[in-house]
């Protein structure tokens, strides 16, 4: 029983693998779909011969393939066999191998099939010609069987059984037999067609006739079975044709929908492109508007800084002029020191005034105390003057610090103006 066949670049098959189950296997398909190619592949794997003319004709796609292969698994007498034949792009045999239960038992390379075909013939009990005549029915022969009249049916069975070859051989040998019979009659004066031989031949013919009738009955049963199968296949084909028509209609609808979808997709892609360009332009516009706004802000900032710088410059000039009018204040005492000294002199002046009052009351000498009080009064006056000068010196120091701060602020303003100019 055939279990599996694999075809690579063989006839119409680029790469096909078929696993056969139990029972009858039927291939259904249109002409040229590769049904007969499967049978040709099985016969080619077994015997290395085919019915496609030149070897190059078995190569897939008009011989453009680099190489091909047929691999066949079949079971016989409880053993599993695998035969593999590889061929090149011209259909010439490259390698053949045969395995039995997974073990390699024969192989040959370089286009030489030493014993593969003979071994297969021995296993199957028939050679290629016997296989072709008694097992394989070529495409068209089943229809010929169903439509043939009795005479044509006999000729077809004769072809399938190889009987036509025997008749042709007998016709070609008749003259030879007649000549041989004539020589025998001349030589021994006897005919070879004596009764015994005729009886023997007649018995053989009876056996052949009986076997032929038995074979005809078997073929008639097989023919009836094939007719039933043919009717079933016809019904299946009719149903499949309806399904095929429905499939073609659905496929046409799908193609139309695909075209519509492609057009819609193209329209959407065009719209998306326009939207993307508009978004980019909008983003660019927003960026430009932001930058314009920023430039306006920077210009306002620069104007404000200019005004501030002018104001600071005016303040600086005023401070400089005031500093020129004020004393430098070098060596002047601080207000706190002058306050402490004024407090001390006031206390002394108070004490001396009390003493002077006591002296006047007692009528004692007061000239010395009066001079002392006078000196303290003059000292207080001098102290007041010194306090005024110290206050002016403090004012000058305050103005100098303010001047330095204004200069620093002017420099900061100029720096910020430069940064704004660079940013613009």
Protein backbone atom coordinates (compact mmCIF):
# COMPACT_ATOMS: atom_id res chain seq x y z
CA UNK A 1 0.00 0.00 0.00
CA UNK A 2 1.24 3.45 -0.90
CA UNK A 3 1.64 5.61 2.23
CA UNK A 4 3.15 8.89 1.00
CA UNK A 5 4.55 10.58 -2.09
CA UNK A 6 6.48 13.86 -2.29
CA UNK A 7 7.10 15.77 -5.55
CA UNK A 8 9.65 18.57 -5.89
CA UNK A 9 9.87 20.37 -9.29
CA UNK A 10 8.17 17.42 -10.97
CA UNK A 11 5.89 18.25 -13.93
CA UNK A 12 3.26 20.75 -12.70
CA UNK A 13 4.20 20.35 -9.02
CA UNK A 14 6.73 22.72 -7.50
CA UNK A 15 6.56 21.12 -4.07
CA UNK A 16 3.71 18.75 -3.16
CA UNK A 17 3.45 16.10 -0.44
CA UNK A 18 0.48 13.70 -0.20
CA UNK A 19 -0.19 11.19 2.58
CA UNK A 20 -2.53 8.33 1.61
CA UNK A 21 -4.99 6.90 4.10
CA UNK A 22 -6.87 3.64 4.11
CA UNK A 23 -9.33 2.91 1.33
CA UNK A 24 -9.81 4.59 -2.05
CA UNK A 25 -8.09 7.89 -2.86
CA UNK A 26 -9.56 10.12 -5.59
CA UNK A 27 -7.93 13.22 -7.10
CA UNK A 28 -10.35 15.86 -8.37
CA UNK A 29 -9.29 18.89 -10.34
CA UNK A 30 -9.26 20.69 -13.66
CA UNK A 31 -7.19 19.62 -16.60
CA UNK A 32 -3.56 20.47 -16.01
CA UNK A 33 -4.01 20.65 -12.23
CA UNK A 34 -1.50 17.80 -11.76
CA UNK A 35 -3.66 14.73 -11.06
CA UNK A 36 -1.93 12.46 -13.57
CA UNK A 37 1.42 13.89 -12.50
CA UNK A 38 1.00 12.23 -9.09
CA UNK A 39 0.56 8.80 -10.77
CA UNK A 40 3.52 9.53 -13.08
CA UNK A 41 5.61 10.43 -10.01
CA UNK A 42 4.74 7.13 -8.30
CA UNK A 43 5.67 5.08 -11.40
CA UNK A 44 8.83 7.17 -11.92
CA UNK A 45 9.93 6.64 -8.31
CA UNK A 46 9.47 2.85 -8.65
CA UNK A 47 10.94 2.26 -12.12
CA UNK A 48 12.72 5.47 -13.17
CA UNK A 49 10.62 5.60 -16.36
CA UNK A 50 7.81 7.90 -17.48
CA UNK A 51 5.43 8.57 -20.36
CA UNK A 52 6.35 12.25 -20.90
CA UNK A 53 8.80 11.81 -23.75
CA UNK A 54 12.20 13.43 -23.14
CA UNK A 55 13.58 13.59 -19.60
CA UNK A 56 13.53 17.39 -19.67
CA UNK A 57 9.72 17.26 -19.88
CA UNK A 58 9.40 16.06 -16.29
CA UNK A 59 11.14 19.16 -14.86
CA UNK A 60 8.78 21.73 -13.38
CA UNK A 61 8.28 25.10 -15.10
CA UNK A 62 9.72 24.22 -18.47
CA UNK A 63 13.09 23.03 -17.20
CA UNK A 64 13.98 26.27 -15.43
CA UNK A 65 14.34 24.49 -12.06
CA UNK A 66 17.87 23.49 -11.04
CA UNK A 67 16.90 20.04 -9.76
CA UNK A 68 13.93 17.96 -8.64
CA UNK A 69 13.01 14.91 -6.60
CA UNK A 70 10.35 12.25 -6.16
CA UNK A 71 10.10 10.44 -2.81
CA UNK A 72 7.76 7.44 -2.36
CA UNK A 73 6.86 5.50 0.80
CA UNK A 74 4.97 2.20 0.39
CA UNK A 75 4.25 -0.80 2.57
CA UNK A 76 4.61 -4.40 1.36
CA UNK A 77 4.53 -7.67 3.32
CA UNK A 78 4.71 -5.83 6.65
CA UNK A 79 7.76 -3.76 5.68
CA UNK A 80 7.96 -0.04 4.96
CA UNK A 81 9.98 0.95 1.90
CA UNK A 82 11.16 4.36 0.74
CA UNK A 83 12.45 5.05 -2.77
CA UNK A 84 14.00 8.46 -3.61
CA UNK A 85 14.98 9.60 -7.11
CA UNK A 86 16.70 12.94 -7.71
CA UNK A 87 17.19 14.51 -11.14
CA UNK A 88 18.89 17.63 -12.50
CA UNK A 89 17.44 20.57 -14.40
CA UNK A 90 17.45 18.52 -17.64
CA UNK A 91 15.59 15.60 -16.09
CA UNK A 92 18.66 13.34 -15.98
CA UNK A 93 18.93 11.02 -13.01
CA UNK A 94 21.38 12.19 -10.33
CA UNK A 95 20.78 9.79 -7.47
CA UNK A 96 18.51 6.92 -6.49
CA UNK A 97 18.24 5.30 -3.05
CA UNK A 98 16.04 2.64 -1.42
CA UNK A 99 15.40 2.09 2.28
CA UNK A 100 13.76 -0.81 4.04
CA UNK A 101 12.28 -0.07 7.49
CA UNK A 102 14.48 3.03 7.68
CA UNK A 103 17.70 1.18 6.78
CA UNK A 104 19.54 2.12 3.58
CA UNK A 105 19.75 -1.04 1.42
CA UNK A 106 20.71 0.36 -1.99
CA UNK A 107 21.99 3.60 -3.48
CA UNK A 108 23.60 4.83 -6.67
CA UNK A 109 24.77 8.19 -7.99
CA UNK A 110 25.97 9.91 -11.17
CA UNK A 111 22.85 8.98 -13.13
CA UNK A 112 23.33 5.20 -12.93
CA UNK A 113 20.43 3.06 -11.66
CA UNK A 114 22.29 -0.23 -11.17
CA UNK A 115 19.72 -2.36 -9.41
CA UNK A 116 16.95 -0.06 -8.14
CA UNK A 117 14.37 -0.78 -10.84
CA UNK A 118 15.15 -4.51 -10.89
CA UNK A 119 14.82 -4.70 -7.10
CA UNK A 120 11.46 -2.92 -7.18
CA UNK A 121 10.27 -5.19 -9.98
CA UNK A 122 11.25 -8.17 -7.83
CA UNK A 123 9.42 -6.78 -4.80
CA UNK A 124 6.22 -6.00 -6.71
CA UNK A 125 6.34 -9.02 -8.99
CA UNK A 126 5.93 -6.90 -12.13
CA UNK A 127 8.13 -4.75 -14.31
CA UNK A 128 7.39 -1.32 -15.75
CA UNK A 129 5.54 -2.61 -18.83
CA UNK A 130 3.37 -4.94 -16.74
CA UNK A 131 2.61 -2.08 -14.36
CA UNK A 132 1.66 0.18 -17.28
CA UNK A 133 -0.60 -2.40 -18.87
CA UNK A 134 -2.38 -3.91 -15.85
CA UNK A 135 -2.38 -1.33 -13.05
CA UNK A 136 -2.12 2.24 -14.36
CA UNK A 137 -4.98 3.57 -16.48
CA UNK A 138 -3.94 6.74 -18.24
CA UNK A 139 -6.01 9.92 -18.45
CA UNK A 140 -8.95 9.46 -20.83
CA UNK A 141 -9.00 5.66 -20.68
CA UNK A 142 -11.79 5.56 -18.04
CA UNK A 143 -14.07 7.64 -20.26
CA UNK A 144 -13.13 5.39 -23.17
CA UNK A 145 -14.17 2.36 -21.11
CA UNK A 146 -17.53 3.90 -20.24
CA UNK A 147 -18.34 4.92 -23.82
CA UNK A 148 -16.83 1.97 -25.74
CA UNK A 149 -18.91 -0.58 -27.63
CA UNK A 150 -18.11 -4.28 -27.05
CA UNK A 151 -15.51 -4.41 -29.83
CA UNK A 152 -13.73 -1.28 -28.65
CA UNK A 153 -14.01 -2.49 -25.04
CA UNK A 154 -12.28 -5.76 -26.02
CA UNK A 155 -9.51 -3.85 -27.79
CA UNK A 156 -9.09 -1.61 -24.73
CA UNK A 157 -8.89 -4.57 -22.33
CA UNK A 158 -6.45 -6.25 -24.73
CA UNK A 159 -4.31 -3.11 -24.53
CA UNK A 160 -4.59 -2.95 -20.75
CA UNK A 161 -3.75 -6.66 -20.37
CA UNK A 162 -1.05 -6.60 -22.99
CA UNK A 163 -2.91 -9.10 -25.21
CA UNK A 164 -2.63 -6.84 -28.24
CA UNK A 165 1.13 -7.17 -28.06
CA UNK A 166 0.79 -10.94 -28.12
CA UNK A 167 -1.53 -10.79 -31.17
CA UNK A 168 0.85 -8.46 -32.96
CA UNK A 169 3.75 -10.74 -32.10
CA UNK A 170 1.76 -13.77 -33.33
CA UNK A 171 0.93 -11.97 -36.61
CA UNK A 172 4.58 -11.09 -37.15
CA UNK A 173 5.64 -14.68 -36.37
CA UNK A 174 3.01 -16.37 -38.60
CA UNK A 175 5.16 -16.34 -41.71
CA UNK A 176 8.06 -17.64 -39.71
CA UNK A 177 5.91 -20.45 -38.32
CA UNK A 178 4.59 -21.33 -41.78
CA UNK A 179 8.10 -21.58 -43.16
CA UNK A 180 9.20 -23.62 -40.18
CA UNK A 181 6.22 -25.99 -40.70
CA UNK A 182 7.10 -26.40 -44.39
CA UNK A 183 10.67 -27.31 -43.53
CA UNK A 184 9.46 -29.90 -41.02
CA UNK A 185 7.11 -31.48 -43.58
CA UNK A 186 9.88 -31.69 -46.16
CA UNK A 187 12.31 -33.08 -43.63
CA UNK A 188 10.30 -35.70 -41.74
CA UNK A 189 7.27 -36.01 -44.03
CA UNK A 190 5.01 -35.31 -41.08
CA UNK A 191 2.83 -32.43 -40.00
CA UNK A 192 3.43 -30.77 -36.69
CA UNK A 193 -0.31 -30.18 -36.35
CA UNK A 194 -1.11 -33.67 -35.18
CA UNK A 195 -4.06 -34.36 -32.94
CA UNK A 196 -2.16 -34.43 -29.68
CA UNK A 197 -0.71 -31.07 -30.20
CA UNK A 198 -4.04 -29.71 -31.30
CA UNK A 199 -5.66 -31.08 -28.15
CA UNK A 200 -2.97 -29.63 -26.01
CA UNK A 201 -3.30 -26.28 -27.71
CA UNK A 202 -7.06 -26.48 -27.48
CA UNK A 203 -6.83 -27.20 -23.78
CA UNK A 204 -4.54 -24.25 -23.36
CA UNK A 205 -6.97 -22.07 -25.28
CA UNK A 206 -9.82 -23.30 -23.10
CA UNK A 207 -7.84 -22.37 -20.02
CA UNK A 208 -7.00 -19.02 -21.50
CA UNK A 209 -10.64 -18.50 -22.43
CA UNK A 210 -11.79 -19.48 -18.95
CA UNK A 211 -9.26 -17.20 -17.36
CA UNK A 212 -10.22 -14.48 -19.83
CA UNK A 213 -13.91 -14.86 -18.96
CA UNK A 214 -13.07 -14.76 -15.25
CA UNK A 215 -10.93 -11.72 -15.86
CA UNK A 216 -13.73 -10.19 -17.99
CA UNK A 217 -16.24 -10.81 -15.17
CA UNK A 218 -13.86 -9.18 -12.72
CA UNK A 219 -13.34 -6.29 -15.09
CA UNK A 220 -17.10 -6.03 -15.63
CA UNK A 221 -17.61 -5.77 -11.87
CA UNK A 222 -14.76 -3.27 -11.67
CA UNK A 223 -16.29 -1.39 -14.60
CA UNK A 224 -19.69 -1.23 -12.86
CA UNK A 225 -17.96 -0.03 -9.73
CA UNK A 226 -16.12 2.59 -11.74
CA UNK A 227 -19.39 3.67 -13.34
CA UNK A 228 -20.95 4.14 -9.90
CA UNK A 229 -17.91 6.06 -8.78
CA UNK A 230 -18.06 8.06 -11.99
CA UNK A 231 -21.68 8.99 -11.31
CA UNK A 232 -20.81 9.96 -7.72
CA UNK A 233 -17.86 11.99 -8.96
CA UNK A 234 -20.12 13.66 -11.53
CA UNK A 235 -22.54 14.66 -8.78
CA UNK A 236 -19.66 15.92 -6.64
CA UNK A 237 -18.25 17.83 -9.59
CA UNK A 238 -21.67 19.43 -10.18
CA UNK A 239 -21.84 20.51 -6.55
CA UNK A 240 -18.26 21.71 -6.69
CA UNK A 241 -18.98 23.69 -9.85
CA UNK A 242 -21.83 25.47 -8.03
CA UNK A 243 -19.49 26.15 -5.12
CA UNK A 244 -16.80 27.29 -7.55
CA UNK A 245 -19.23 29.72 -9.19
CA UNK A 246 -20.21 31.03 -5.77
CA UNK A 247 -16.52 31.27 -4.87
CA UNK A 248 -15.81 33.26 -8.05
CA UNK A 249 -18.71 35.62 -7.32
CA UNK A 250 -17.51 36.13 -3.75
CA UNK A 251 -13.97 36.62 -5.00
CA UNK A 252 -15.16 39.22 -7.52
CA UNK A 253 -17.03 41.03 -4.74
CA UNK A 254 -13.94 40.90 -2.54
CA UNK A 255 -11.78 42.29 -5.35
CA UNK A 256 -14.29 45.11 -5.88
CA UNK A 257 -14.26 45.85 -2.16
CA UNK A 258 -10.47 45.78 -2.16
CA UNK A 259 -10.41 48.30 -4.96
CA UNK A 260 -12.85 50.52 -3.08
CA UNK A 261 -10.81 50.17 0.11
CA UNK A 262 -7.59 50.98 -1.77
CA UNK A 263 -9.19 54.13 -3.21
CA UNK A 264 -10.52 55.14 0.20
CA UNK A 265 -7.12 54.50 1.75
CA UNK A 266 -5.47 56.61 -0.95
CA UNK A 267 -7.97 59.44 -0.32
CA UNK A 268 -7.42 59.19 3.43
CA UNK A 269 -3.65 59.18 2.99
CA UNK A 270 -3.95 62.31 0.83
CA UNK A 271 -6.14 63.98 3.47
CA UNK A 272 -3.78 62.93 6.22
CA UNK A 273 -0.88 64.42 4.25
CA UNK A 274 -2.73 67.71 3.87
CA UNK A 275 -3.67 67.72 7.55
CA UNK A 276 -0.07 66.97 8.56
CA UNK A 277 1.17 69.83 6.38
CA UNK A 278 -1.49 72.13 7.87
CA UNK A 279 -0.51 71.04 11.38
CA UNK A 280 3.14 71.73 10.62
CA UNK A 281 2.25 75.14 9.16
CA UNK A 282 0.07 75.87 12.20
CA UNK A 283 2.85 74.80 14.55
CA UNK A 284 5.28 77.00 12.61
CA UNK A 285 2.83 79.89 12.74
CA UNK A 286 2.41 79.48 16.48
CA UNK A 287 6.17 79.38 16.88
CA UNK A 288 6.55 82.55 14.77
CA UNK A 289 3.83 84.28 16.76
CA UNK A 290 5.54 83.25 19.99
CA UNK A 291 8.84 84.60 18.74
CA UNK A 292 7.23 87.86 17.56
CA UNK A 293 5.57 88.22 20.94
CA UNK A 294 8.89 87.50 22.61
CA UNK A 295 10.64 90.10 20.42
CA UNK A 296 7.99 92.66 21.32
CA UNK A 297 8.44 91.78 24.99
CA UNK A 298 12.22 92.08 24.62
CA UNK A 299 11.89 95.45 22.90
CA UNK A 300 9.61 96.66 25.67
CA UNK A 301 12.15 95.32 28.17
CA UNK A 302 14.99 97.10 26.33
CA UNK A 303 12.96 100.34 26.30
CA UNK A 304 12.28 99.95 30.00
CA UNK A 305 15.97 99.22 30.65
CA UNK A 306 16.96 102.28 28.60
CA UNK A 307 14.62 104.42 30.67
CA UNK A 308 15.95 102.85 33.83
CA UNK A 309 19.55 103.42 32.69
CA UNK A 310 18.81 107.08 31.95
CA UNK A 311 17.19 107.44 35.36
CA UNK A 312 20.16 105.80 37.05
CA UNK A 313 22.55 108.01 35.10
CA UNK A 314 20.66 111.10 36.29
CA UNK A 315 20.80 109.84 39.86
CA UNK A 316 24.50 109.10 39.45
CA UNK A 317 25.19 112.62 38.15
CA UNK A 318 23.24 114.13 41.02
CA UNK A 319 25.15 112.05 43.56
CA UNK A 320 28.48 112.97 41.94
CA UNK A 321 27.60 116.67 42.11
CA UNK A 322 26.49 116.36 45.74
CA UNK A 323 29.68 114.45 46.61
CA UNK A 324 31.72 117.27 45.12
CA UNK A 325 30.03 119.75 47.51
CA UNK A 326 30.51 117.57 50.59
CA UNK A 327 33.80 117.24 52.51
CA UNK A 328 35.71 114.05 52.08
CA UNK A 329 35.18 113.16 55.77
CA UNK A 330 38.65 111.75 56.24
CA UNK A 331 39.46 111.40 59.98
CA UNK A 332 35.92 112.39 61.08
CA UNK A 333 34.50 110.73 64.14
CA UNK A 334 31.39 108.66 64.02
CA UNK A 335 28.09 110.00 65.34
CA UNK A 336 28.19 107.55 68.24
CA UNK A 337 31.63 108.76 69.30
CA UNK A 338 30.49 112.37 69.06
CA UNK A 339 27.34 111.57 71.05
CA UNK A 340 29.38 109.98 73.84
CA UNK A 341 31.80 112.93 73.92
CA UNK A 342 28.90 115.43 73.96
CA UNK A 343 27.34 113.58 76.89
CA UNK A 344 30.66 113.72 78.79
CA UNK A 345 31.17 117.46 78.16
CA UNK A 346 27.54 118.21 79.08
CA UNK A 347 27.96 116.38 82.39
CA UNK A 348 31.18 118.34 83.10
CA UNK A 349 29.49 121.61 82.12
CA UNK A 350 26.59 120.77 84.46
CA UNK A 351 28.94 120.01 87.31
CA UNK A 352 30.92 123.24 86.75
CA UNK A 353 27.68 125.24 86.48
CA UNK A 354 26.55 123.79 89.84
CA UNK A 355 29.91 124.69 91.37
CA UNK A 356 29.70 128.15 89.84
CA UNK A 357 26.23 128.61 91.31
CA UNK A 358 27.44 127.50 94.73
CA UNK A 359 30.40 129.94 94.53
CA UNK A 360 28.12 132.82 93.57
CA UNK A 361 25.85 131.97 96.47
CA UNK A 362 28.70 131.82 98.91
CA UNK A 363 30.34 134.93 97.44
CA UNK A 364 33.63 133.18 96.81
CA UNK A 365 35.98 133.65 93.84
CA UNK A 366 34.20 132.56 90.62
CA UNK A 367 36.54 133.80 87.89
CA UNK A 368 38.32 130.48 87.51
CA UNK A 369 35.07 128.53 87.37
CA UNK A 370 33.63 131.05 84.89
CA UNK A 371 36.59 130.56 82.61
CA UNK A 372 36.23 126.83 82.93
CA UNK A 373 32.52 127.01 82.10
CA UNK A 374 33.34 129.28 79.15
CA UNK A 375 35.85 126.79 77.86
CA UNK A 376 33.32 123.97 78.19
CA UNK A 377 30.70 126.03 76.34
CA UNK A 378 33.17 126.69 73.52
CA UNK A 379 33.98 122.99 73.50
CA UNK A 380 30.33 122.17 73.17
CA UNK A 381 30.05 124.62 70.26
CA UNK A 382 33.09 123.02 68.63
CA UNK A 383 31.55 119.63 69.27
CA UNK A 384 28.34 120.71 67.56
CA UNK A 385 30.38 121.84 64.56
CA UNK A 386 32.23 118.54 64.56
CA UNK A 387 28.92 116.72 64.74
CA UNK A 388 27.73 118.66 61.69
CA UNK A 389 30.90 117.79 59.79
CA UNK A 390 30.57 114.14 60.84
CA UNK A 391 26.99 114.11 59.59
CA UNK A 392 28.16 115.50 56.27
CA UNK A 393 30.90 112.86 56.10
CA UNK A 394 28.32 110.15 56.82
CA UNK A 395 26.14 111.58 54.08
CA UNK A 396 29.10 111.51 51.70
CA UNK A 397 29.84 107.87 52.58
CA UNK A 398 26.16 107.01 52.11
CA UNK A 399 26.12 108.78 48.73
CA UNK A 400 29.35 106.99 47.68
CA UNK A 401 27.82 103.58 48.55
CA UNK A 402 24.66 104.54 46.68
CA UNK A 403 26.78 105.68 43.73
CA UNK A 404 28.58 102.32 43.66
CA UNK A 405 25.24 100.50 43.84
CA UNK A 406 23.87 102.63 40.99
CA UNK A 407 26.96 101.89 38.89
CA UNK A 408 26.51 98.18 39.54
CA UNK A 409 22.84 98.43 38.61
CA UNK A 410 23.76 100.36 35.44
CA UNK A 411 26.21 97.57 34.45
CA UNK A 412 23.54 94.94 35.16
CA UNK A 413 21.07 96.93 33.03
CA UNK A 414 23.55 97.09 30.14
CA UNK A 415 24.20 93.35 30.43
CA UNK A 416 20.49 92.58 30.29
CA UNK A 417 20.12 94.87 27.25
CA UNK A 418 22.92 92.99 25.45
CA UNK A 419 21.26 89.65 26.26
CA UNK A 420 17.95 90.96 24.93
CA UNK A 421 19.66 92.20 21.73
CA UNK A 422 21.29 88.80 21.21
CA UNK A 423 17.97 87.02 21.76
CA UNK A 424 16.24 89.34 19.26
